[in-house]
């Protein structure tokens, strides 16, 4: 366990190290062509080093309430280790894993295993999609706005979405994708939304329709978002994760989330992927059926969040689409060459994308 770093600086150090990696990568892309052996070697070595850094730094972090729900999971683990049964839960896969691990070792092993299962699917998925250039996709994922939070605090959500990303990388092998869907759902039942979005977008594939749905959701949220939040909250489909309460009882969580107003900052962040995907699909005529469906899934699930954007802890709804943002942004640039300086554009776009993360998670909280 990494206990020699003061816990209050632990997260800040992560963001600063990722900042240096992103900056170095940007400088590399400005200095080298993207189609040389040197670049392939850079991607391979950098990808391995980044994987092990994230796994060890996140997986061996101190066990502390400083990381939010990490303290809650540690208590559950101790209760299971003492012989308690799992009880009734929708997220049976996650708690079964916790119960099974409680037979073998301390809670430190549990958090390390969970981190491995959180990071490894992203590593595997990016290698499947992008082969020799996987590092750039893996970097943009671990540099994403909510990556650290859902690896240290919202563990069930993070673990489930990583398996969703891995599942989507097997769209060409439906049986395996469906199996990974089931595993993701067993870790967190909220995966029902992106799974449903997959089937909707599989049977109706018009990207133009989903872009219109996304734009429409903004007006719907502004005009009648409160009524929809109350309706969805009373459906009872989110009871196990307290999300129902986040929708219907804002005052109780007013101090836990910085704002329950319309989050224009998060909308602009979400629109970054929308604008880029629109450009490649309609302006550059990027014809990749898997990318189009991933984009449609993102648009549909992000529209769901926009309608509920004023809810307390709306970031938990946002993450049901945000986990795909990095892939949506980088995918076309790693699959097809459009410009001579495309490699430099990849580096610059990654840097720009990470700066929102750096600003929101490191700079603003310290002001």
Protein backbone atom coordinates (compact mmCIF):
# COMPACT_ATOMS: atom_id res chain seq x y z
CA UNK A 1 0.00 0.00 0.00
CA UNK A 2 1.21 3.50 -0.87
CA UNK A 3 0.96 5.12 2.55
CA UNK A 4 3.99 7.43 2.36
CA UNK A 5 2.05 10.04 0.37
CA UNK A 6 -0.23 12.21 2.55
CA UNK A 7 -3.79 11.28 1.67
CA UNK A 8 -4.82 14.91 1.21
CA UNK A 9 -2.35 15.23 -1.68
CA UNK A 10 -2.96 11.82 -3.22
CA UNK A 11 -5.54 12.82 -5.83
CA UNK A 12 -3.74 16.04 -6.76
CA UNK A 13 -0.57 14.09 -7.47
CA UNK A 14 -2.48 11.80 -9.82
CA UNK A 15 -3.82 14.73 -11.84
CA UNK A 16 -0.41 16.35 -12.04
CA UNK A 17 1.27 13.17 -13.22
CA UNK A 18 -1.40 12.66 -15.89
CA UNK A 19 -0.93 16.32 -16.85
CA UNK A 20 2.77 15.66 -17.45
CA UNK A 21 1.99 12.52 -19.47
CA UNK A 22 -0.56 14.38 -21.60
CA UNK A 23 1.83 17.30 -22.11
CA UNK A 24 4.73 15.01 -23.04
CA UNK A 25 2.48 13.12 -25.45
CA UNK A 26 1.38 16.35 -27.10
CA UNK A 27 5.01 17.42 -27.53
CA UNK A 28 5.82 13.98 -28.95
CA UNK A 29 3.02 14.23 -31.52
CA UNK A 30 4.32 17.63 -32.61
CA UNK A 31 7.83 16.27 -33.12
CA UNK A 32 7.23 12.89 -34.78
CA UNK A 33 5.14 11.50 -37.58
CA UNK A 34 2.40 9.11 -36.57
CA UNK A 35 3.40 6.39 -39.01
CA UNK A 36 6.87 5.34 -37.98
CA UNK A 37 8.39 2.52 -35.97
CA UNK A 38 9.46 5.08 -33.38
CA UNK A 39 5.84 6.07 -32.81
CA UNK A 40 4.72 2.46 -32.60
CA UNK A 41 7.40 1.79 -30.02
CA UNK A 42 6.39 4.95 -28.13
CA UNK A 43 2.77 3.80 -28.04
CA UNK A 44 3.63 0.29 -26.88
CA UNK A 45 6.05 1.29 -24.13
CA UNK A 46 4.01 4.29 -22.97
CA UNK A 47 0.82 2.23 -22.87
CA UNK A 48 2.39 -0.42 -20.66
CA UNK A 49 3.92 2.16 -18.32
CA UNK A 50 0.67 4.10 -18.07
CA UNK A 51 -1.31 0.94 -17.34
CA UNK A 52 0.98 -0.07 -14.49
CA UNK A 53 1.13 3.43 -13.07
CA UNK A 54 -2.67 3.77 -12.93
CA UNK A 55 -3.13 0.24 -11.60
CA UNK A 56 -0.55 0.55 -8.83
CA UNK A 57 -1.22 4.16 -7.86
CA UNK A 58 -4.98 3.75 -7.75
CA UNK A 59 -5.06 0.14 -6.59
CA UNK A 60 -2.62 0.63 -3.71
CA UNK A 61 -4.05 3.92 -2.44
CA UNK A 62 -4.56 4.29 1.33
CA UNK A 63 -7.87 3.07 2.69
CA UNK A 64 -9.50 6.32 3.69
CA UNK A 65 -12.83 8.14 3.84
CA UNK A 66 -10.99 10.86 1.97
CA UNK A 67 -11.87 8.90 -1.20
CA UNK A 68 -15.59 9.08 -0.45
CA UNK A 69 -17.41 5.76 -0.61
CA UNK A 70 -14.15 3.84 -0.29
CA UNK A 71 -14.79 3.89 3.46
CA UNK A 72 -18.28 2.46 2.94
CA UNK A 73 -16.96 -0.41 0.83
CA UNK A 74 -14.25 -1.12 3.40
CA UNK A 75 -16.96 -1.50 6.08
CA UNK A 76 -18.96 -3.85 3.88
CA UNK A 77 -15.84 -5.92 3.28
CA UNK A 78 -15.14 -6.24 7.01
CA UNK A 79 -18.75 -7.28 7.63
CA UNK A 80 -18.55 -9.97 4.95
CA UNK A 81 -15.20 -11.15 6.30
CA UNK A 82 -16.89 -11.56 9.69
CA UNK A 83 -19.35 -14.00 8.12
CA UNK A 84 -22.35 -11.89 7.17
CA UNK A 85 -24.36 -12.82 4.08
CA UNK A 86 -24.75 -10.54 1.09
CA UNK A 87 -28.46 -9.95 1.50
CA UNK A 88 -30.81 -8.55 -1.11
CA UNK A 89 -29.17 -6.35 -3.75
CA UNK A 90 -29.51 -5.61 -7.45
CA UNK A 91 -25.74 -5.43 -7.87
CA UNK A 92 -25.22 -9.09 -7.05
CA UNK A 93 -22.05 -9.49 -9.14
CA UNK A 94 -20.18 -6.76 -7.29
CA UNK A 95 -21.10 -7.91 -3.80
CA UNK A 96 -20.55 -11.58 -4.64
CA UNK A 97 -17.03 -10.67 -5.74
CA UNK A 98 -16.52 -8.73 -2.52
CA UNK A 99 -17.83 -11.64 -0.43
CA UNK A 100 -15.62 -14.14 -2.26
CA UNK A 101 -12.49 -12.00 -1.84
CA UNK A 102 -13.25 -11.56 1.87
CA UNK A 103 -12.39 -15.24 2.39
CA UNK A 104 -8.79 -14.75 1.25
CA UNK A 105 -7.11 -11.59 2.45
CA UNK A 106 -7.43 -8.07 3.78
CA UNK A 107 -9.50 -5.30 2.27
CA UNK A 108 -6.38 -4.02 0.47
CA UNK A 109 -6.58 -7.02 -1.88
CA UNK A 110 -10.20 -6.20 -2.65
CA UNK A 111 -9.44 -2.63 -3.71
CA UNK A 112 -6.48 -3.76 -5.82
CA UNK A 113 -8.58 -6.39 -7.62
CA UNK A 114 -11.39 -3.91 -8.21
CA UNK A 115 -8.89 -1.43 -9.66
CA UNK A 116 -7.47 -4.11 -11.95
CA UNK A 117 -10.98 -4.96 -13.16
CA UNK A 118 -11.61 -1.25 -13.68
CA UNK A 119 -8.46 -0.48 -15.67
CA UNK A 120 -7.74 -3.72 -17.55
CA UNK A 121 -10.96 -3.76 -19.65
CA UNK A 122 -10.14 -0.28 -20.96
CA UNK A 123 -6.61 -1.38 -21.79
CA UNK A 124 -7.87 -4.47 -23.63
CA UNK A 125 -10.63 -2.59 -25.46
CA UNK A 126 -8.31 0.12 -26.76
CA UNK A 127 -5.82 -2.49 -27.98
CA UNK A 128 -8.62 -4.29 -29.82
CA UNK A 129 -9.83 -1.11 -31.49
CA UNK A 130 -6.59 0.68 -32.28
CA UNK A 131 -3.77 -1.89 -32.30
CA UNK A 132 -0.42 -0.08 -32.51
CA UNK A 133 -1.97 3.28 -31.56
CA UNK A 134 -3.90 2.11 -28.51
CA UNK A 135 -1.89 4.24 -26.07
CA UNK A 136 -3.50 7.46 -27.28
CA UNK A 137 -7.00 6.08 -26.71
CA UNK A 138 -6.07 4.57 -23.35
CA UNK A 139 -4.54 7.89 -22.27
CA UNK A 140 -7.63 9.90 -23.17
CA UNK A 141 -9.75 7.48 -21.13
CA UNK A 142 -7.64 7.68 -17.96
CA UNK A 143 -7.42 11.45 -18.44
CA UNK A 144 -11.21 11.78 -18.60
CA UNK A 145 -13.08 13.99 -16.17
CA UNK A 146 -14.64 11.25 -14.00
CA UNK A 147 -12.11 8.43 -14.44
CA UNK A 148 -10.33 8.90 -11.11
CA UNK A 149 -13.56 9.54 -9.19
CA UNK A 150 -15.22 6.35 -10.38
CA UNK A 151 -12.10 4.32 -9.68
CA UNK A 152 -11.79 5.52 -6.08
CA UNK A 153 -15.31 6.51 -5.01
CA UNK A 154 -18.13 5.23 -7.22
CA UNK A 155 -16.56 1.79 -7.59
CA UNK A 156 -19.60 -0.14 -8.77
CA UNK A 157 -20.46 2.42 -11.45
CA UNK A 158 -16.87 2.63 -12.65
CA UNK A 159 -16.36 -1.11 -12.75
CA UNK A 160 -19.60 -1.63 -14.66
CA UNK A 161 -18.85 1.03 -17.28
CA UNK A 162 -15.38 -0.40 -17.92
CA UNK A 163 -16.99 -3.73 -18.76
CA UNK A 164 -19.44 -1.88 -21.00
CA UNK A 165 -16.52 -0.38 -22.94
CA UNK A 166 -14.97 -3.83 -23.24
CA UNK A 167 -18.33 -5.23 -24.38
CA UNK A 168 -18.62 -2.59 -27.11
CA UNK A 169 -15.17 -3.54 -28.39
CA UNK A 170 -16.66 -7.00 -29.11
CA UNK A 171 -19.56 -5.80 -31.25
CA UNK A 172 -18.31 -8.22 -33.89
CA UNK A 173 -18.74 -11.12 -31.43
CA UNK A 174 -22.27 -10.77 -30.18
CA UNK A 175 -22.26 -13.70 -27.75
CA UNK A 176 -19.23 -12.31 -25.91
CA UNK A 177 -20.62 -8.78 -25.94
CA UNK A 178 -23.90 -9.99 -24.39
CA UNK A 179 -21.97 -11.89 -21.72
CA UNK A 180 -20.02 -8.74 -20.85
CA UNK A 181 -23.30 -6.80 -20.78
CA UNK A 182 -24.59 -9.23 -18.17
CA UNK A 183 -21.43 -8.90 -16.08
CA UNK A 184 -21.60 -5.10 -16.26
CA UNK A 185 -25.25 -5.14 -15.20
CA UNK A 186 -24.46 -7.45 -12.28
CA UNK A 187 -21.91 -4.90 -11.06
CA UNK A 188 -24.32 -1.97 -11.30
CA UNK A 189 -27.95 -2.11 -12.39
CA UNK A 190 -27.79 1.38 -13.94
CA UNK A 191 -26.11 -0.29 -16.94
CA UNK A 192 -29.63 -1.15 -18.01
CA UNK A 193 -29.72 2.30 -19.65
CA UNK A 194 -26.70 1.94 -21.98
CA UNK A 195 -27.64 -1.69 -22.67
CA UNK A 196 -31.14 -0.57 -23.68
CA UNK A 197 -29.57 2.22 -25.74
CA UNK A 198 -27.47 -0.38 -27.57
CA UNK A 199 -30.54 -2.34 -28.67
CA UNK A 200 -32.48 0.80 -29.61
CA UNK A 201 -29.59 2.06 -31.75
CA UNK A 202 -29.07 -1.39 -33.24
CA UNK A 203 -32.58 -1.51 -34.66
CA UNK A 204 -32.79 2.19 -35.58
CA UNK A 205 -29.46 3.46 -36.82
CA UNK A 206 -30.07 6.97 -38.16
CA UNK A 207 -27.39 9.14 -36.58
CA UNK A 208 -29.22 12.28 -37.65
CA UNK A 209 -32.20 11.25 -35.54
CA UNK A 210 -30.09 10.84 -32.39
CA UNK A 211 -28.35 14.18 -32.89
CA UNK A 212 -31.81 15.79 -33.07
CA UNK A 213 -32.87 13.94 -29.91
CA UNK A 214 -29.80 15.32 -28.12
CA UNK A 215 -30.54 18.92 -29.12
CA UNK A 216 -34.23 18.50 -28.25
CA UNK A 217 -33.33 17.20 -24.79
CA UNK A 218 -31.78 20.58 -23.91
CA UNK A 219 -35.06 22.42 -24.56
CA UNK A 220 -37.08 19.73 -22.79
CA UNK A 221 -34.82 20.03 -19.73
CA UNK A 222 -35.09 23.82 -19.65
CA UNK A 223 -38.88 23.81 -20.06
CA UNK A 224 -40.07 20.80 -18.06
CA UNK A 225 -37.00 19.13 -16.56
CA UNK A 226 -38.29 19.34 -12.98
CA UNK A 227 -41.50 17.49 -13.74
CA UNK A 228 -39.62 14.73 -15.58
CA UNK A 229 -37.12 14.37 -12.71
CA UNK A 230 -39.97 13.87 -10.26
CA UNK A 231 -41.68 11.35 -12.55
CA UNK A 232 -38.52 9.28 -13.15
CA UNK A 233 -37.61 9.42 -9.46
CA UNK A 234 -40.98 7.99 -8.47
CA UNK A 235 -40.69 5.07 -10.87
CA UNK A 236 -38.52 3.28 -8.29
CA UNK A 237 -36.06 1.91 -10.84
CA UNK A 238 -33.04 3.42 -9.05
CA UNK A 239 -33.86 2.52 -5.46
CA UNK A 240 -30.79 0.40 -4.83
CA UNK A 241 -28.40 3.26 -5.58
CA UNK A 242 -30.29 6.10 -3.89
CA UNK A 243 -30.67 7.73 -7.31
CA UNK A 244 -34.41 7.95 -6.83
CA UNK A 245 -33.80 10.10 -3.76
CA UNK A 246 -31.35 12.28 -5.68
CA UNK A 247 -34.17 13.14 -8.07
CA UNK A 248 -36.99 13.73 -5.63
CA UNK A 249 -35.21 15.11 -2.55
CA UNK A 250 -32.79 17.79 -3.74
CA UNK A 251 -32.65 19.70 -0.47
CA UNK A 252 -31.25 16.71 1.41
CA UNK A 253 -28.20 16.67 -0.88
CA UNK A 254 -27.75 20.38 -1.46
CA UNK A 255 -24.38 20.38 0.29
CA UNK A 256 -23.16 17.26 -1.48
CA UNK A 257 -23.30 18.55 -5.04
CA UNK A 258 -22.14 22.01 -5.98
CA UNK A 259 -25.21 22.98 -7.96
CA UNK A 260 -28.70 21.77 -8.74
CA UNK A 261 -29.20 24.44 -11.39
CA UNK A 262 -28.80 23.83 -15.10
CA UNK A 263 -25.18 22.75 -15.50
CA UNK A 264 -24.05 24.65 -18.59
CA UNK A 265 -20.43 23.75 -17.86
CA UNK A 266 -21.17 20.03 -17.99
CA UNK A 267 -23.39 20.48 -21.03
CA UNK A 268 -20.54 22.18 -22.89
CA UNK A 269 -18.24 19.36 -21.82
CA UNK A 270 -20.71 16.79 -23.18
CA UNK A 271 -21.12 18.81 -26.37
CA UNK A 272 -17.39 18.45 -27.07
CA UNK A 273 -17.92 14.82 -28.09
CA UNK A 274 -21.18 15.67 -29.86
CA UNK A 275 -19.51 18.28 -32.04
CA UNK A 276 -16.56 16.08 -32.93
CA UNK A 277 -18.70 13.05 -33.78
CA UNK A 278 -21.04 15.21 -35.90
CA UNK A 279 -18.07 16.60 -37.80
CA UNK A 280 -16.62 13.20 -38.66
CA UNK A 281 -19.91 11.47 -39.43
CA UNK A 282 -21.51 14.19 -41.56
CA UNK A 283 -18.69 16.45 -42.74
CA UNK A 284 -15.87 13.95 -43.24
CA UNK A 285 -18.25 11.08 -44.12
CA UNK A 286 -16.56 8.65 -41.71
CA UNK A 287 -18.20 5.32 -42.48
CA UNK A 288 -17.70 2.96 -39.57
CA UNK A 289 -20.86 1.24 -38.37
CA UNK A 290 -19.44 0.54 -34.91
CA UNK A 291 -18.44 4.18 -34.41
CA UNK A 292 -21.84 5.39 -35.55
CA UNK A 293 -23.59 3.10 -33.10
CA UNK A 294 -21.29 4.11 -30.25
CA UNK A 295 -22.06 7.73 -31.07
CA UNK A 296 -25.78 7.04 -31.13
CA UNK A 297 -25.54 5.29 -27.75
CA UNK A 298 -23.67 8.26 -26.34
CA UNK A 299 -26.20 10.74 -27.71
CA UNK A 300 -29.17 8.79 -26.36
CA UNK A 301 -27.78 8.22 -22.87
CA UNK A 302 -26.40 11.76 -22.63
CA UNK A 303 -29.80 13.14 -23.63
CA UNK A 304 -31.31 11.17 -20.74
CA UNK A 305 -28.91 12.92 -18.35
CA UNK A 306 -29.57 16.37 -19.84
CA UNK A 307 -33.28 15.99 -19.12
CA UNK A 308 -32.36 15.24 -15.48
CA UNK A 309 -29.47 17.70 -15.33
CA UNK A 310 -30.82 19.70 -12.37
CA UNK A 311 -31.04 16.66 -10.10
CA UNK A 312 -28.74 16.29 -7.10
CA UNK A 313 -25.78 14.11 -8.00
CA UNK A 314 -26.66 14.47 -11.69
CA UNK A 315 -23.02 13.54 -12.34
CA UNK A 316 -24.03 9.95 -11.55
CA UNK A 317 -26.49 10.07 -14.44
CA UNK A 318 -23.96 11.86 -16.63
CA UNK A 319 -21.41 9.09 -16.19
CA UNK A 320 -23.78 6.70 -17.95
CA UNK A 321 -22.65 8.49 -21.13
CA UNK A 322 -19.42 10.24 -20.15
CA UNK A 323 -17.47 6.98 -19.90
CA UNK A 324 -17.70 6.80 -23.71
CA UNK A 325 -16.56 10.37 -24.41
CA UNK A 326 -12.87 9.63 -24.84
CA UNK A 327 -13.58 6.89 -27.37
CA UNK A 328 -16.07 9.04 -29.29
CA UNK A 329 -13.48 11.81 -29.58
CA UNK A 330 -10.40 9.79 -30.52
CA UNK A 331 -11.86 6.90 -32.55
CA UNK A 332 -12.00 8.48 -36.06
CA UNK A 333 -8.53 9.99 -35.71
CA UNK A 334 -6.97 6.61 -34.94
CA UNK A 335 -8.86 4.71 -37.63
CA UNK A 336 -8.44 6.92 -40.70
CA UNK A 337 -5.96 9.55 -41.90
CA UNK A 338 -7.49 12.91 -42.82
CA UNK A 339 -4.64 15.43 -42.58
CA UNK A 340 -0.86 15.47 -42.82
CA UNK A 341 -0.59 16.89 -39.31
CA UNK A 342 -3.20 14.52 -37.87
CA UNK A 343 -0.80 13.09 -35.32
CA UNK A 344 -0.25 16.57 -33.90
CA UNK A 345 -4.02 17.13 -33.86
CA UNK A 346 -4.45 13.96 -31.80
CA UNK A 347 -1.98 15.25 -29.22
CA UNK A 348 -3.51 18.72 -29.12
CA UNK A 349 -7.06 17.41 -28.86
CA UNK A 350 -6.09 15.12 -25.99
CA UNK A 351 -4.44 18.03 -24.19
CA UNK A 352 -7.48 20.25 -24.70
CA UNK A 353 -9.82 17.51 -23.51
CA UNK A 354 -7.75 16.89 -20.38
CA UNK A 355 -7.62 20.58 -19.49
CA UNK A 356 -11.32 20.48 -18.56
CA UNK A 357 -10.50 17.59 -16.22
CA UNK A 358 -7.52 19.45 -14.79
CA UNK A 359 -9.47 22.66 -14.33
CA UNK A 360 -12.53 21.08 -12.68
CA UNK A 361 -10.73 18.53 -10.50
CA UNK A 362 -7.48 20.24 -9.57
CA UNK A 363 -7.37 23.97 -10.17
CA UNK A 364 -10.89 25.11 -9.18
CA UNK A 365 -11.09 23.02 -5.95
CA UNK A 366 -7.80 24.55 -4.80
CA UNK A 367 -8.80 28.17 -5.43
